[in-house]
Amino acid sequence: METPVNSNLGNGTETGRGLHHPRGLFCSAMAQLEQNIFLIGPMGSGKTSIGRVLAKELGLEFCDCDQELERQTGASVNLIFDVEGEAGFRERETQLLEKLVRGRGLLVATGGGVVMRAVNRKLLREGGLVVWLKTSVDQQLTRLSHDKTRPLLQAPDRRARLRQLARERDPLYQSIADIEFTSPDRHFKQAAHALLRKIQDFQNAPTQASADAKR
């Protein structure tokens, strides 16, 4: 059973492993890259599972935006939607993103709808390397078949809802992505290693890689 939430949801000012890390939010002293990496893409594209492995390989500190918002507020994303609506959730998401882009040595898994706000797209473009994890609706349906928690997935026809979200969001993902990576039907560790190679190619030869990454 979820804990009841009132209008005084957490504001993210608490101490601990989050907002008051001595080198910035979730910043790792072992970071091997100077810029942050932001994973964008739809729900079920593997941002969290791939991101955790990729962060470890790169020596970056991992942050899942939805999980961090839940940690700050003490409430599930679903409950935040219920209490504050999507607009309230998006405002909290922007506030968190503003803090994250000021950090260094981070790999951040963003929420699927983060690109819906122009201010977020600007923050992501200016905050580091943006990687779009692409996936098909069929893959999403398979991966999310047992998921009962995502607010925007609560619809009689999940396929229609996911197609609608893709039509709205895919052009926005594409508009800010430095790298596009199709999330394959393979173990997430294999996918993470394939993405790692693509990022390394991009870092080593940014002009050519940035053109290839869009293909």
Protein backbone atom coordinates (compact mmCIF):
# COMPACT_ATOMS: atom_id res chain seq x y z
CA MET A 1 0.00 0.00 0.00
CA GLU A 2 1.31 3.44 -0.91
CA THR A 3 1.94 6.00 1.78
CA PRO A 4 -0.58 8.85 1.70
CA VAL A 5 0.85 12.06 0.32
CA ASN A 6 -0.21 15.59 1.12
CA SER A 7 0.59 18.82 -0.66
CA ASN A 8 3.92 19.05 1.18
CA LEU A 9 5.79 16.58 -1.01
CA GLY A 10 9.55 16.73 -0.52
CA ASN A 11 11.41 19.59 -2.18
CA GLY A 12 14.74 17.88 -2.79
CA THR A 13 16.70 19.85 -0.23
CA GLU A 14 17.53 16.91 2.00
CA THR A 15 21.12 15.88 2.66
CA GLY A 16 22.65 12.48 1.95
CA ARG A 17 23.73 10.78 -1.26
CA GLY A 18 21.70 13.15 -3.39
CA LEU A 19 21.74 16.88 -3.65
CA HIS A 20 24.67 17.71 -1.37
CA HIS A 21 27.41 15.46 -2.68
CA PRO A 22 30.73 17.30 -2.20
CA ARG A 23 31.48 17.38 -5.94
CA GLY A 24 27.93 18.12 -7.06
CA LEU A 25 24.78 16.07 -7.44
CA PHE A 26 25.71 12.39 -7.75
CA CYS A 27 29.14 13.41 -9.05
CA SER A 28 31.81 10.70 -8.92
CA ALA A 29 35.45 11.35 -8.13
CA MET A 30 36.26 8.44 -10.43
CA ALA A 31 34.54 9.98 -13.46
CA GLN A 32 36.47 9.36 -16.66
CA LEU A 33 34.50 11.80 -18.80
CA GLU A 34 34.24 15.51 -18.23
CA GLN A 35 30.77 15.87 -19.70
CA ASN A 36 27.58 14.30 -18.48
CA ILE A 37 25.63 11.76 -20.49
CA PHE A 38 21.84 11.93 -20.65
CA LEU A 39 19.80 8.96 -21.86
CA ILE A 40 16.49 9.93 -23.42
CA GLY A 41 13.80 7.80 -25.01
CA PRO A 42 10.44 6.18 -24.37
CA MET A 43 9.46 3.99 -21.45
CA GLY A 44 10.72 0.46 -21.92
CA SER A 45 13.73 1.48 -24.02
CA GLY A 46 16.17 0.35 -21.33
CA LYS A 47 17.38 3.70 -20.03
CA THR A 48 17.71 2.47 -16.44
CA SER A 49 19.00 -1.08 -16.99
CA ILE A 50 21.41 -0.11 -19.78
CA GLY A 51 22.34 3.11 -18.01
CA ARG A 52 23.48 1.39 -14.81
CA VAL A 53 25.88 -0.88 -16.70
CA LEU A 54 27.12 1.92 -18.93
CA ALA A 55 27.78 4.22 -15.98
CA LYS A 56 29.88 1.55 -14.29
CA GLU A 57 31.90 0.96 -17.45
CA LEU A 58 32.57 4.69 -17.89
CA GLY A 59 33.25 5.44 -14.24
CA LEU A 60 30.26 7.77 -14.02
CA GLU A 61 27.73 8.13 -11.23
CA PHE A 62 24.28 6.91 -12.25
CA CYS A 63 21.05 8.77 -11.61
CA ASP A 64 17.53 7.72 -12.58
CA CYS A 65 15.39 10.86 -12.59
CA ASP A 66 12.13 9.15 -11.69
CA GLN A 67 13.75 7.25 -8.84
CA GLU A 68 15.42 10.41 -7.56
CA LEU A 69 12.08 12.26 -7.57
CA GLU A 70 10.56 9.39 -5.61
CA ARG A 71 13.44 9.57 -3.14
CA GLN A 72 12.97 13.30 -2.69
CA THR A 73 9.21 13.20 -2.21
CA GLY A 74 8.77 9.84 -0.50
CA ALA A 75 6.04 9.08 -3.03
CA SER A 76 5.81 7.00 -6.20
CA VAL A 77 5.67 8.72 -9.58
CA ASN A 78 2.14 7.38 -9.89
CA LEU A 79 1.14 9.06 -6.64
CA ILE A 80 2.81 12.34 -7.60
CA PHE A 81 0.72 12.33 -10.78
CA ASP A 82 -2.42 11.67 -8.72
CA VAL A 83 -1.72 14.46 -6.21
CA GLU A 84 -0.15 17.15 -8.38
CA GLY A 85 -1.15 16.12 -11.90
CA GLU A 86 1.22 15.78 -14.83
CA ALA A 87 1.97 19.53 -14.77
CA GLY A 88 3.16 19.30 -11.16
CA PHE A 89 5.30 16.28 -11.92
CA ARG A 90 6.87 18.00 -14.94
CA GLU A 91 7.73 21.04 -12.84
CA ARG A 92 9.54 18.84 -10.31
CA GLU A 93 11.29 17.08 -13.19
CA THR A 94 12.57 20.41 -14.55
CA GLN A 95 13.81 21.50 -11.12
CA LEU A 96 15.75 18.26 -10.76
CA LEU A 97 17.20 18.54 -14.26
CA GLU A 98 18.40 22.07 -13.52
CA LYS A 99 20.43 20.67 -10.61
CA LEU A 100 21.73 17.68 -12.55
CA VAL A 101 23.14 19.68 -15.46
CA ARG A 102 25.29 21.62 -13.02
CA GLY A 103 26.99 18.42 -11.89
CA ARG A 104 29.86 16.58 -13.57
CA GLY A 105 30.62 12.92 -14.12
CA LEU A 106 26.96 11.86 -14.31
CA LEU A 107 25.05 9.42 -16.42
CA VAL A 108 21.38 10.30 -16.16
CA ALA A 109 18.38 8.19 -17.21
CA THR A 110 15.62 10.70 -17.86
CA GLY A 111 11.89 10.15 -17.86
CA GLY A 112 10.23 9.47 -21.19
CA GLY A 113 8.34 12.76 -21.18
CA VAL A 114 11.24 15.01 -20.22
CA VAL A 115 11.48 16.32 -23.80
CA MET A 116 7.94 17.70 -23.78
CA ARG A 117 9.14 20.96 -22.20
CA ALA A 118 11.28 23.29 -24.29
CA VAL A 119 13.24 24.34 -21.19
CA ASN A 120 14.20 20.70 -20.57
CA ARG A 121 15.34 20.23 -24.15
CA LYS A 122 17.57 23.28 -23.81
CA LEU A 123 18.99 22.04 -20.51
CA LEU A 124 19.77 18.64 -22.01
CA ARG A 125 21.40 20.07 -25.14
CA GLU A 126 23.63 22.32 -23.06
CA GLY A 127 24.23 19.86 -20.22
CA GLY A 128 26.16 17.09 -21.93
CA LEU A 129 26.01 14.27 -24.44
CA VAL A 130 22.44 13.25 -25.27
CA VAL A 131 21.77 9.65 -26.32
CA TRP A 132 18.38 8.61 -27.68
CA LEU A 133 17.54 4.97 -26.93
CA LYS A 134 15.15 3.99 -29.69
CA THR A 135 12.75 1.07 -29.49
CA SER A 136 9.64 -0.20 -31.23
CA VAL A 137 6.13 -0.25 -29.83
CA ASP A 138 6.18 -4.05 -30.02
CA GLN A 139 9.31 -4.12 -27.86
CA GLN A 140 7.72 -1.72 -25.40
CA LEU A 141 4.60 -3.86 -25.10
CA THR A 142 6.72 -6.93 -24.37
CA ARG A 143 8.99 -5.22 -21.85
CA LEU A 144 6.15 -3.40 -20.08
CA SER A 145 3.61 -6.22 -20.17
CA HIS A 146 3.58 -6.59 -16.37
CA ASP A 147 4.03 -2.90 -15.54
CA LYS A 148 1.07 -1.47 -13.64
CA THR A 149 2.78 1.62 -12.22
CA ARG A 150 3.40 4.06 -15.08
CA PRO A 151 0.66 6.70 -15.15
CA LEU A 152 0.71 7.32 -18.90
CA LEU A 153 0.46 3.59 -19.59
CA GLN A 154 -2.86 3.24 -17.80
CA ALA A 155 -5.04 3.04 -20.90
CA PRO A 156 -7.51 0.48 -22.33
CA ASP A 157 -5.41 0.18 -25.50
CA ARG A 158 -1.75 0.25 -24.60
CA ARG A 159 -0.58 -0.08 -28.19
CA ALA A 160 -2.57 2.96 -29.25
CA ARG A 161 -1.27 4.96 -26.30
CA LEU A 162 2.36 4.06 -27.03
CA ARG A 163 1.93 4.93 -30.70
CA GLN A 164 0.45 8.28 -29.75
CA LEU A 165 3.36 9.01 -27.41
CA ALA A 166 5.84 8.04 -30.12
CA ARG A 167 4.24 10.42 -32.61
CA GLU A 168 4.43 13.26 -30.11
CA ARG A 169 7.87 12.59 -28.68
CA ASP A 170 10.06 10.97 -31.34
CA PRO A 171 10.63 14.24 -33.25
CA LEU A 172 11.62 15.90 -29.97
CA TYR A 173 14.02 13.12 -29.04
CA GLN A 174 15.59 13.38 -32.48
CA SER A 175 15.91 17.16 -32.30
CA ILE A 176 18.32 17.05 -29.34
CA ALA A 177 20.07 13.68 -29.71
CA ASP A 178 23.81 13.59 -30.34
CA ILE A 179 23.66 9.81 -30.73
CA GLU A 180 20.78 7.55 -31.73
CA PHE A 181 20.98 3.97 -30.52
CA THR A 182 18.41 1.31 -31.30
CA SER A 183 17.77 -0.68 -28.15
CA PRO A 184 18.04 -4.30 -29.36
CA ASP A 185 16.32 -7.47 -28.22
CA ARG A 186 19.34 -8.72 -26.31
CA HIS A 187 20.55 -8.77 -22.73
CA PHE A 188 20.88 -5.26 -21.37
CA LYS A 189 24.57 -5.81 -20.59
CA GLN A 190 25.26 -6.61 -24.24
CA ALA A 191 23.26 -3.56 -25.28
CA ALA A 192 25.23 -1.39 -22.85
CA HIS A 193 28.54 -2.59 -24.25
CA ALA A 194 27.36 -1.90 -27.81
CA LEU A 195 26.33 1.59 -26.77
CA LEU A 196 29.65 2.09 -24.99
CA ARG A 197 31.50 1.42 -28.25
CA LYS A 198 29.29 3.92 -30.05
CA ILE A 199 29.93 6.60 -27.44
CA GLN A 200 33.67 5.94 -27.52
CA ASP A 201 33.66 6.29 -31.31
CA PHE A 202 31.77 9.55 -30.95
CA GLN A 203 34.24 10.87 -28.36
CA ASN A 204 37.30 9.84 -30.36
CA ALA A 205 36.13 11.18 -33.70
CA PRO A 206 33.32 13.65 -32.95
CA THR A 207 32.90 15.03 -36.47
CA GLN A 208 32.60 11.72 -38.29
CA ALA A 209 30.93 9.89 -35.40
CA SER A 210 28.27 12.54 -34.94
CA ALA A 211 27.29 12.10 -38.58
CA ASP A 212 27.34 8.29 -38.32
CA ALA A 213 25.37 8.36 -35.06
CA LYS A 214 22.44 9.98 -36.82
CA ARG A 215 22.18 7.14 -39.34
